[in-house]
C-alpha atoms as a PDB file:
ATOM      1  CA  MET A   1       7.418  -9.674   9.806  1.00  0.00           C
ATOM      2  CA  GLN A   2       8.579 -10.998   6.474  1.00  0.00           C
ATOM      3  CA  PHE A   3      11.116  -9.189   4.289  1.00  0.00           C
ATOM      4  CA  ASP A   4      11.801 -10.983   0.999  1.00  0.00           C
ATOM      5  CA  GLU A   5      14.566  -9.503  -1.143  1.00  0.00           C
ATOM      6  CA  LEU A   6      13.872 -10.201  -4.813  1.00  0.00           C
ATOM      7  CA  GLY A   7      14.804  -8.911  -8.254  1.00  0.00           C
ATOM      8  CA  ARG A   8      18.115  -7.307  -9.170  1.00  0.00           C
ATOM      9  CA  MET A   9      20.374  -7.412  -6.151  1.00  0.00           C
ATOM     10  CA  GLU A  10      22.548  -4.663  -7.639  1.00  0.00           C
ATOM     11  CA  GLY A  11      19.602  -2.458  -8.589  1.00  0.00           C
ATOM     12  CA  LYS A  12      18.096   0.507  -6.774  1.00  0.00           C
ATOM     13  CA  VAL A  13      16.410  -0.570  -3.542  1.00  0.00           C
ATOM     14  CA  LEU A  14      12.607  -0.367  -3.684  1.00  0.00           C
ATOM     15  CA  PHE A  15      10.416  -1.440  -0.753  1.00  0.00           C
ATOM     16  CA  LEU A  16       6.956  -2.788  -1.619  1.00  0.00           C
ATOM     17  CA  LEU A  17       4.350  -2.252   1.107  1.00  0.00           C
ATOM     18  CA  PRO A  18       0.935  -3.919   0.603  1.00  0.00           C
ATOM     19  CA  GLY A  19      -2.503  -2.620   1.487  1.00  0.00           C
ATOM     20  CA  THR A  20      -5.325  -3.620   3.808  1.00  0.00           C
ATOM     21  CA  ALA A  21      -5.614  -7.356   4.546  1.00  0.00           C
ATOM     22  CA  CYS A  22      -3.149  -8.234   1.793  1.00  0.00           C
ATOM     23  CA  ASP A  23       0.215  -9.903   1.477  1.00  0.00           C
ATOM     24  CA  TYR A  24       2.661  -8.648  -1.127  1.00  0.00           C
ATOM     25  CA  GLN A  25       2.212 -11.794  -3.217  1.00  0.00           C
ATOM     26  CA  THR A  26      -1.441 -10.925  -3.810  1.00  0.00           C
ATOM     27  CA  ASN A  27      -1.181  -7.143  -3.841  1.00  0.00           C
ATOM     28  CA  PHE A  28       1.814  -6.814  -6.176  1.00  0.00           C
ATOM     29  CA  GLY A  29       1.603 -10.190  -7.906  1.00  0.00           C
ATOM     30  CA  ALA A  30       0.847  -8.727 -11.340  1.00  0.00           C
ATOM     31  CA  VAL A  31       3.928  -6.471 -11.335  1.00  0.00           C
ATOM     32  CA  LEU A  32       6.582  -8.286  -9.265  1.00  0.00           C
ATOM     33  CA  GLU A  33       8.386  -9.788 -12.237  1.00  0.00           C
ATOM     34  CA  ARG A  34       8.632  -6.528 -14.156  1.00  0.00           C
ATOM     35  CA  LEU A  35       9.672  -4.459 -11.143  1.00  0.00           C
ATOM     36  CA  GLY A  36      12.241  -7.128 -10.335  1.00  0.00           C
ATOM     37  CA  GLU A  37      13.892  -6.666 -13.726  1.00  0.00           C
ATOM     38  CA  LYS A  38      14.976  -3.153 -12.681  1.00  0.00           C
ATOM     39  CA  TYR A  39      14.966  -2.960  -8.895  1.00  0.00           C
ATOM     40  CA  HIS A  40      16.287  -4.681  -5.802  1.00  0.00           C
ATOM     41  CA  MET A  41      12.883  -5.224  -4.259  1.00  0.00           C
ATOM     42  CA  VAL A  42      12.260  -5.696  -0.566  1.00  0.00           C
ATOM     43  CA  CYS A  43       8.748  -7.143  -0.366  1.00  0.00           C
ATOM     44  CA  VAL A  44       7.157  -6.800   3.056  1.00  0.00           C
ATOM     45  CA  ASN A  45       4.453  -8.815   4.800  1.00  0.00           C
ATOM     46  CA  TYR A  46       3.410  -7.352   8.125  1.00  0.00           C
ATOM     47  CA  ASP A  47       2.865  -9.247  11.383  1.00  0.00           C
ATOM     48  CA  GLY A  48      -0.453 -11.046  11.045  1.00  0.00           C
ATOM     49  CA  PHE A  49      -0.146 -11.196   7.260  1.00  0.00           C
ATOM     50  CA  ASP A  50       3.142 -13.091   7.023  1.00  0.00           C
ATOM     51  CA  GLY A  51       1.997 -16.657   7.645  1.00  0.00           C
ATOM     52  CA  SER A  52       2.957 -16.547  11.328  1.00  0.00           C
ATOM     53  CA  ASP A  53       0.700 -16.841  14.363  1.00  0.00           C
ATOM     54  CA  LEU A  54       1.343 -13.206  15.299  1.00  0.00           C
ATOM     55  CA  ILE A  55      -1.440 -10.623  15.326  1.00  0.00           C
ATOM     56  CA  PHE A  56      -0.952  -7.255  13.627  1.00  0.00           C
ATOM     57  CA  PRO A  57      -0.204  -4.857  16.522  1.00  0.00           C
ATOM     58  CA  ASP A  58      -0.561  -1.289  15.207  1.00  0.00           C
ATOM     59  CA  MET A  59       0.742   0.876  12.382  1.00  0.00           C
ATOM     60  CA  LEU A  60       3.508   2.611  14.341  1.00  0.00           C
ATOM     61  CA  THR A  61       4.926  -0.614  15.801  1.00  0.00           C
ATOM     62  CA  VAL A  62       5.133  -2.084  12.307  1.00  0.00           C
ATOM     63  CA  THR A  63       6.646   1.153  10.971  1.00  0.00           C
ATOM     64  CA  GLY A  64       9.370   0.793  13.596  1.00  0.00           C
ATOM     65  CA  LYS A  65      10.145  -2.733  12.393  1.00  0.00           C
ATOM     66  CA  ILE A  66      10.443  -1.510   8.799  1.00  0.00           C
ATOM     67  CA  GLU A  67      12.789   1.259   9.943  1.00  0.00           C
ATOM     68  CA  GLN A  68      14.879  -1.243  11.879  1.00  0.00           C
ATOM     69  CA  TYR A  69      15.281  -3.429   8.788  1.00  0.00           C
ATOM     70  CA  ILE A  70      16.341  -0.428   6.701  1.00  0.00           C
ATOM     71  CA  ARG A  71      18.919   0.578   9.311  1.00  0.00           C
ATOM     72  CA  GLU A  72      20.319  -2.928   9.700  1.00  0.00           C
ATOM     73  CA  HIS A  73      20.429  -3.908   6.025  1.00  0.00           C
ATOM     74  CA  PHE A  74      20.772  -0.632   4.115  1.00  0.00           C
ATOM     75  CA  ASP A  75      22.527   1.712   6.561  1.00  0.00           C
ATOM     76  CA  GLY A  76      19.339   3.679   7.074  1.00  0.00           C
ATOM     77  CA  ARG A  77      18.883   4.843   3.495  1.00  0.00           C
ATOM     78  CA  ILE A  78      16.960   3.396   0.537  1.00  0.00           C
ATOM     79  CA  ASP A  79      16.193   4.595  -2.954  1.00  0.00           C
ATOM     80  CA  GLY A  80      12.432   4.282  -2.698  1.00  0.00           C
ATOM     81  CA  ALA A  81       9.312   2.733  -1.229  1.00  0.00           C
ATOM     82  CA  ILE A  82       5.926   2.250  -2.826  1.00  0.00           C
ATOM     83  CA  GLY A  83       2.832   1.707  -0.757  1.00  0.00           C
ATOM     84  CA  SER A  84      -0.369   0.238  -2.090  1.00  0.00           C
ATOM     85  CA  SER A  85      -3.404   1.872  -0.478  1.00  0.00           C
ATOM     86  CA  LEU A  86      -2.880   1.424   3.299  1.00  0.00           C
ATOM     87  CA  GLY A  87       0.776   0.656   2.546  1.00  0.00           C
ATOM     88  CA  SER A  88       1.102   4.321   1.629  1.00  0.00           C
ATOM     89  CA  SER A  89       0.513   5.186   5.279  1.00  0.00           C
ATOM     90  CA  PHE A  90       3.789   3.415   6.049  1.00  0.00           C
ATOM     91  CA  VAL A  91       5.535   5.403   3.311  1.00  0.00           C
ATOM     92  CA  GLY A  92       4.194   8.610   4.832  1.00  0.00           C
ATOM     93  CA  GLN A  93       5.341   7.651   8.301  1.00  0.00           C
ATOM     94  CA  LEU A  94       8.817   6.671   7.102  1.00  0.00           C
ATOM     95  CA  ILE A  95       9.173  10.117   5.542  1.00  0.00           C
ATOM     96  CA  GLN A  96       7.589  12.061   8.408  1.00  0.00           C
ATOM     97  CA  ARG A  97       9.465  10.354  11.259  1.00  0.00           C
ATOM     98  CA  GLN A  98      12.888  10.780   9.562  1.00  0.00           C
ATOM     99  CA  ASN A  99      14.395   7.799  11.394  1.00  0.00           C
ATOM    100  CA  VAL A 100      15.518   6.508   7.996  1.00  0.00           C
ATOM    101  CA  HIS A 101      15.835   8.212   4.626  1.00  0.00           C
ATOM    102  CA  LEU A 102      13.935   7.578   1.403  1.00  0.00           C
ATOM    103  CA  ASP A 103      14.994   9.270  -1.802  1.00  0.00           C
ATOM    104  CA  HIS A 104      11.547   8.589  -3.283  1.00  0.00           C
ATOM    105  CA  GLY A 105       8.242   7.955  -1.536  1.00  0.00           C
ATOM    106  CA  ILE A 106       5.636   6.606  -3.962  1.00  0.00           C
ATOM    107  CA  PHE A 107       1.983   6.606  -2.880  1.00  0.00           C
ATOM    108  CA  GLY A 108      -0.331   4.224  -4.730  1.00  0.00           C
ATOM    109  CA  SER A 109      -3.695   6.034  -4.909  1.00  0.00           C
ATOM    110  CA  PRO A 110      -4.238   6.056  -1.119  1.00  0.00           C
ATOM    111  CA  ASP A 111      -7.166   7.595   0.710  1.00  0.00           C
ATOM    112  CA  LEU A 112      -4.985   8.655   3.704  1.00  0.00           C
ATOM    113  CA  ASP A 113      -8.058   8.774   5.940  1.00  0.00           C
ATOM    114  CA  GLN A 114      -7.514   9.988   9.515  1.00  0.00           C
ATOM    115  CA  SER A 115      -9.939  10.151  12.410  1.00  0.00           C
ATOM    116  CA  GLY A 116     -10.281  10.278  16.180  1.00  0.00           C
ATOM    117  CA  LYS A 117     -10.581   7.225  18.396  1.00  0.00           C
ATOM    118  CA  PHE A 118     -14.371   7.050  18.551  1.00  0.00           C
ATOM    119  CA  SER A 119     -14.821   7.504  14.815  1.00  0.00           C
ATOM    120  CA  ALA A 120     -12.078   4.940  14.106  1.00  0.00           C
ATOM    121  CA  TRP A 121     -13.704   2.474  16.502  1.00  0.00           C
ATOM    122  CA  LEU A 122     -17.124   3.000  14.905  1.00  0.00           C
ATOM    123  CA  GLN A 123     -15.802   2.648  11.362  1.00  0.00           C
ATOM    124  CA  SER A 124     -13.921  -0.519  12.215  1.00  0.00           C
ATOM    125  CA  LYS A 125     -17.029  -1.970  13.878  1.00  0.00           C
ATOM    126  CA  LEU A 126     -19.007  -1.327  10.698  1.00  0.00           C
ATOM    127  CA  VAL A 127     -16.484  -2.016   7.948  1.00  0.00           C
ATOM    128  CA  VAL A 128     -14.297  -4.867   9.196  1.00  0.00           C
ATOM    129  CA  PRO A 129     -17.170  -7.362   9.660  1.00  0.00           C
ATOM    130  CA  LEU A 130     -18.143  -6.698   6.054  1.00  0.00           C
ATOM    131  CA  LEU A 131     -14.590  -7.303   4.862  1.00  0.00           C
ATOM    132  CA  THR A 132     -14.289 -10.551   6.787  1.00  0.00           C
ATOM    133  CA  SER A 133     -17.741 -11.986   6.109  1.00  0.00           C
ATOM    134  CA  PHE A 134     -18.668 -11.156   2.531  1.00  0.00           C
ATOM    135  CA  THR A 135     -16.927 -14.271   1.206  1.00  0.00           C
ATOM    136  CA  ARG A 136     -18.746 -16.710   3.499  1.00  0.00           C
ATOM    137  CA  GLY A 137     -21.009 -18.952   1.485  1.00  0.00           C
ATOM    138  CA  GLU A 138     -21.072 -19.488  -2.247  1.00  0.00           C
ATOM    139  CA  LYS A 139     -23.872 -16.998  -2.882  1.00  0.00           C
ATOM    140  CA  LYS A 140     -22.021 -14.211  -1.076  1.00  0.00           C
ATOM    141  CA  LYS A 141     -18.806 -15.092  -2.877  1.00  0.00           C
ATOM    142  CA  ALA A 142     -20.499 -14.984  -6.258  1.00  0.00           C
ATOM    143  CA  LYS A 143     -22.118 -11.628  -5.464  1.00  0.00           C
ATOM    144  CA  ALA A 144     -18.833 -10.156  -4.200  1.00  0.00           C
ATOM    145  CA  ARG A 145     -16.986 -11.506  -7.246  1.00  0.00           C
ATOM    146  CA  GLU A 146     -19.397  -9.766  -9.606  1.00  0.00           C
ATOM    147  CA  LYS A 147     -19.078  -6.471  -7.721  1.00  0.00           C
ATOM    148  CA  LEU A 148     -15.291  -6.596  -7.908  1.00  0.00           C
ATOM    149  CA  LYS A 149     -15.351  -7.507 -11.583  1.00  0.00           C
ATOM    150  CA  ASN A 150     -17.747  -4.696 -12.458  1.00  0.00           C
ATOM    151  CA  LEU A 151     -16.011  -2.017 -10.385  1.00  0.00           C
ATOM    152  CA  PHE A 152     -12.372  -2.862 -11.100  1.00  0.00           C
ATOM    153  CA  GLU A 153     -12.626  -4.801 -14.379  1.00  0.00           C
ATOM    154  CA  MET A 154     -11.143  -7.851 -12.638  1.00  0.00           C
ATOM    155  CA  SER A 155     -11.049 -11.338 -14.050  1.00  0.00           C
ATOM    156  CA  ASP A 156     -12.629 -14.155 -12.024  1.00  0.00           C
ATOM    157  CA  GLU A 157      -9.140 -15.363 -11.099  1.00  0.00           C
ATOM    158  CA  VAL A 158      -7.990 -11.987  -9.781  1.00  0.00           C
ATOM    159  CA  ALA A 159     -11.249 -11.398  -7.891  1.00  0.00           C
ATOM    160  CA  ASP A 160     -10.978 -14.795  -6.219  1.00  0.00           C
ATOM    161  CA  ARG A 161      -7.349 -14.126  -5.275  1.00  0.00           C
ATOM    162  CA  PHE A 162      -8.215 -10.879  -3.538  1.00  0.00           C
ATOM    163  CA  MET A 163     -11.251 -12.332  -1.776  1.00  0.00           C
ATOM    164  CA  ALA A 164      -9.069 -15.148  -0.477  1.00  0.00           C
ATOM    165  CA  CYS A 165      -7.042 -12.619   1.540  1.00  0.00           C
ATOM    166  CA  PHE A 166     -10.046 -11.860   3.708  1.00  0.00           C
ATOM    167  CA  GLU A 167     -10.500 -15.556   4.412  1.00  0.00           C
ATOM    168  CA  LYS A 168      -6.949 -16.549   5.243  1.00  0.00           C
ATOM    169  CA  PHE A 169      -5.970 -13.729   7.617  1.00  0.00           C
ATOM    170  CA  SER A 170      -7.123 -13.285  11.199  1.00  0.00           C
ATOM    171  CA  PRO A 171     -10.100 -10.927  11.617  1.00  0.00           C
ATOM    172  CA  GLU A 172      -8.243  -9.490  14.624  1.00  0.00           C
ATOM    173  CA  SER A 173      -5.246  -8.588  12.465  1.00  0.00           C
ATOM    174  CA  ILE A 174      -7.504  -7.012   9.852  1.00  0.00           C
ATOM    175  CA  ARG A 175      -9.357  -5.063  12.542  1.00  0.00           C
ATOM    176  CA  ASN A 176      -6.155  -3.811  14.172  1.00  0.00           C
ATOM    177  CA  GLU A 177      -4.720  -2.813  10.806  1.00  0.00           C
ATOM    178  CA  TYR A 178      -7.843  -0.936   9.727  1.00  0.00           C
ATOM    179  CA  TYR A 179      -8.429   0.727  13.115  1.00  0.00           C
ATOM    180  CA  THR A 180      -4.866   1.875  13.822  1.00  0.00           C
ATOM    181  CA  ASP A 181      -4.416   3.162  10.268  1.00  0.00           C
ATOM    182  CA  LEU A 182      -7.214   5.662  10.938  1.00  0.00           C
ATOM    183  CA  LEU A 183      -5.401   6.766  14.106  1.00  0.00           C
ATOM    184  CA  THR A 184      -2.002   7.150  12.433  1.00  0.00           C
ATOM    185  CA  TRP A 185      -1.921  10.794  11.464  1.00  0.00           C
ATOM    186  CA  LEU A 186       0.239  12.675   9.024  1.00  0.00           C
ATOM    187  CA  GLN A 187       1.238  16.266   9.623  1.00  0.00           C
ATOM    188  CA  ASP A 188       0.386  18.985   7.117  1.00  0.00           C
ATOM    189  CA  ASP A 189       2.976  20.275   4.655  1.00  0.00           C
ATOM    190  CA  ILE A 190       5.546  17.511   5.221  1.00  0.00           C
ATOM    191  CA  HIS A 191       8.855  18.318   3.584  1.00  0.00           C
ATOM    192  CA  VAL A 192      12.116  16.413   3.996  1.00  0.00           C
ATOM    193  CA  GLU A 193      15.252  17.583   2.242  1.00  0.00           C
ATOM    194  CA  HIS A 194      16.414  15.252  -0.546  1.00  0.00           C
ATOM    195  CA  THR A 195      13.198  13.222  -0.473  1.00  0.00           C
ATOM    196  CA  ARG A 196      10.827  13.397  -3.427  1.00  0.00           C
ATOM    197  CA  VAL A 197       7.147  12.522  -2.929  1.00  0.00           C
ATOM    198  CA  HIS A 198       5.153  11.022  -5.800  1.00  0.00           C
ATOM    199  CA  PHE A 199       1.458  10.156  -5.995  1.00  0.00           C
ATOM    200  CA  ILE A 200      -0.361   7.837  -8.366  1.00  0.00           C
ATOM    201  CA  TYR A 201      -3.712   9.613  -8.491  1.00  0.00           C
ATOM    202  CA  ALA A 202      -6.645   7.437  -9.568  1.00  0.00           C
ATOM    203  CA  ASN A 203      -9.063  10.178 -10.611  1.00  0.00           C
ATOM    204  CA  LYS A 204     -12.154   7.960 -10.373  1.00  0.00           C
ATOM    205  CA  MET A 205     -11.694   8.084  -6.580  1.00  0.00           C
ATOM    206  CA  GLY A 206     -12.593  11.786  -6.574  1.00  0.00           C
ATOM    207  CA  GLU A 207     -10.894  15.158  -6.257  1.00  0.00           C
ATOM    208  CA  LYS A 208     -11.034  15.245  -2.453  1.00  0.00           C
ATOM    209  CA  TYR A 209      -8.103  12.838  -2.406  1.00  0.00           C
ATOM    210  CA  LEU A 210      -6.092  15.046  -4.723  1.00  0.00           C
ATOM    211  CA  LYS A 211      -6.591  17.932  -2.290  1.00  0.00           C
ATOM    212  CA  ARG A 212      -5.588  15.674   0.589  1.00  0.00           C
ATOM    213  CA  TYR A 213      -2.281  14.732  -1.070  1.00  0.00           C
ATOM    214  CA  ARG A 214      -1.383  18.389  -1.437  1.00  0.00           C
ATOM    215  CA  LYS A 215      -2.419  19.121   2.135  1.00  0.00           C
ATOM    216  CA  TYR A 216      -0.093  16.589   3.718  1.00  0.00           C
ATOM    217  CA  PHE A 217       2.949  17.028   1.485  1.00  0.00           C
ATOM    218  CA  ARG A 218       4.660  20.082   0.108  1.00  0.00           C
ATOM    219  CA  ASP A 219       4.941  20.120  -3.690  1.00  0.00           C
ATOM    220  CA  PRO A 220       4.258  16.422  -4.371  1.00  0.00           C
ATOM    221  CA  GLU A 221       4.600  15.120  -7.901  1.00  0.00           C
ATOM    222  CA  ILE A 222       1.148  13.864  -8.869  1.00  0.00           C
ATOM    223  CA  ARG A 223       0.482  11.668 -11.898  1.00  0.00           C
ATOM    224  CA  GLU A 224      -3.172  11.377 -12.814  1.00  0.00           C
ATOM    225  CA  PHE A 225      -4.608   8.181 -14.267  1.00  0.00           C
ATOM    226  CA  ASN A 226      -8.173   7.544 -15.425  1.00  0.00           C
ATOM    227  CA  MET A 227      -8.740   4.496 -13.231  1.00  0.00           C
ATOM    228  CA  GLN A 228     -10.231   3.224  -9.997  1.00  0.00           C
ATOM    229  CA  HIS A 229      -8.310   2.774  -6.763  1.00  0.00           C
ATOM    230  CA  GLU A 230      -5.149   0.690  -7.428  1.00  0.00           C
ATOM    231  CA  GLN A 231      -6.596  -0.639 -10.679  1.00  0.00           C
ATOM    232  CA  TRP A 232      -3.101  -0.832 -12.170  1.00  0.00           C
ATOM    233  CA  LEU A 233      -2.317  -3.774  -9.857  1.00  0.00           C
ATOM    234  CA  LEU A 234      -5.147  -5.963 -11.140  1.00  0.00           C
ATOM    235  CA  GLY A 235      -3.583  -7.234 -14.348  1.00  0.00           C
ATOM    236  CA  ASP A 236      -5.070  -4.998 -17.059  1.00  0.00           C
ATOM    237  CA  GLU A 237      -2.136  -3.796 -19.162  1.00  0.00           C
ATOM    238  CA  LYS A 238      -3.828  -0.538 -20.182  1.00  0.00           C
ATOM    239  CA  TYR A 239      -3.460   0.568 -16.559  1.00  0.00           C
ATOM    240  CA  THR A 240      -0.381  -1.394 -15.500  1.00  0.00           C
ATOM    241  CA  ILE A 241       2.052  -0.276 -18.222  1.00  0.00           C
ATOM    242  CA  PRO A 242       1.568   3.532 -17.838  1.00  0.00           C
ATOM    243  CA  VAL A 243       1.918   3.334 -14.052  1.00  0.00           C
ATOM    244  CA  LEU A 244       5.053   1.184 -14.265  1.00  0.00           C
ATOM    245  CA  GLU A 245       6.520   3.742 -16.670  1.00  0.00           C
ATOM    246  CA  ALA A 246       5.666   6.506 -14.184  1.00  0.00           C
ATOM    247  CA  ILE A 247       7.364   4.582 -11.354  1.00  0.00           C
ATOM    248  CA  ASP A 248      10.537   4.321 -13.442  1.00  0.00           C
ATOM    249  CA  GLU A 249      10.440   8.062 -14.025  1.00  0.00           C
ATOM    250  CA  PHE A 250       9.861   8.699 -10.312  1.00  0.00           C
ATOM    251  CA  MET A 251      12.789   6.516  -9.303  1.00  0.00           C
ATOM    252  CA  ASN A 252      15.100   8.299 -11.708  1.00  0.00           C
ATOM    253  CA  THR A 253      14.126  11.831 -10.732  1.00  0.00           C
ATOM    254  CA  PRO A 254      17.055  13.692  -9.128  1.00  0.00           C
ATOM    255  CA  VAL A 255      16.628  14.382  -5.411  1.00  0.00           C
END
């Protein structure tokens, strides 16, 4: 596991937890500098995505390592954590398990999918090979690049950076991450005293996710943005600036 502490060392502590098959450098690269101007960031790369030879084990084992770091370095309490996509599952677990305390849990337009073992196995058998093979060969890369650009309004540079993640990380780590995320359930109506829950809702994902956020957490603060999944992290200022402003408001909301 890699924990890089960046930004303002005297600022509020904000953990950054990346999404599927990503390191924080790729996932949060477009916003690291600006977040670092205000927050003491702890940027996390999980086992299997940290440049080591380790393989990602499972979501709960990695959650335990994040909790251990918070206990050892911040006396078990931090100001906030933001999860991008799958990273939001870690935020949810940190809140639900109550082994450490977060004042603010920020969920970056997650799907929060959950399933049983057979369904998770089947989905991983179907999806993971696509994630790990679509960049093989120049024709496939060009086709994937165009799809990313059209769906998320990415530049060529950003599309190539995200595709590179699926080439440089072990397919086994990606499979374990994807599979165990589906098996890592959240309870309904989670409520922890003195913890505020905030969602960045990308409305182009669909209303079923909005209902899901309200199912798992009691009275979450939901900010709606007219964008695709995590589009604010892809470098377009018309999405990035409003979400960064919302994060500042979240982090300064009394608990």
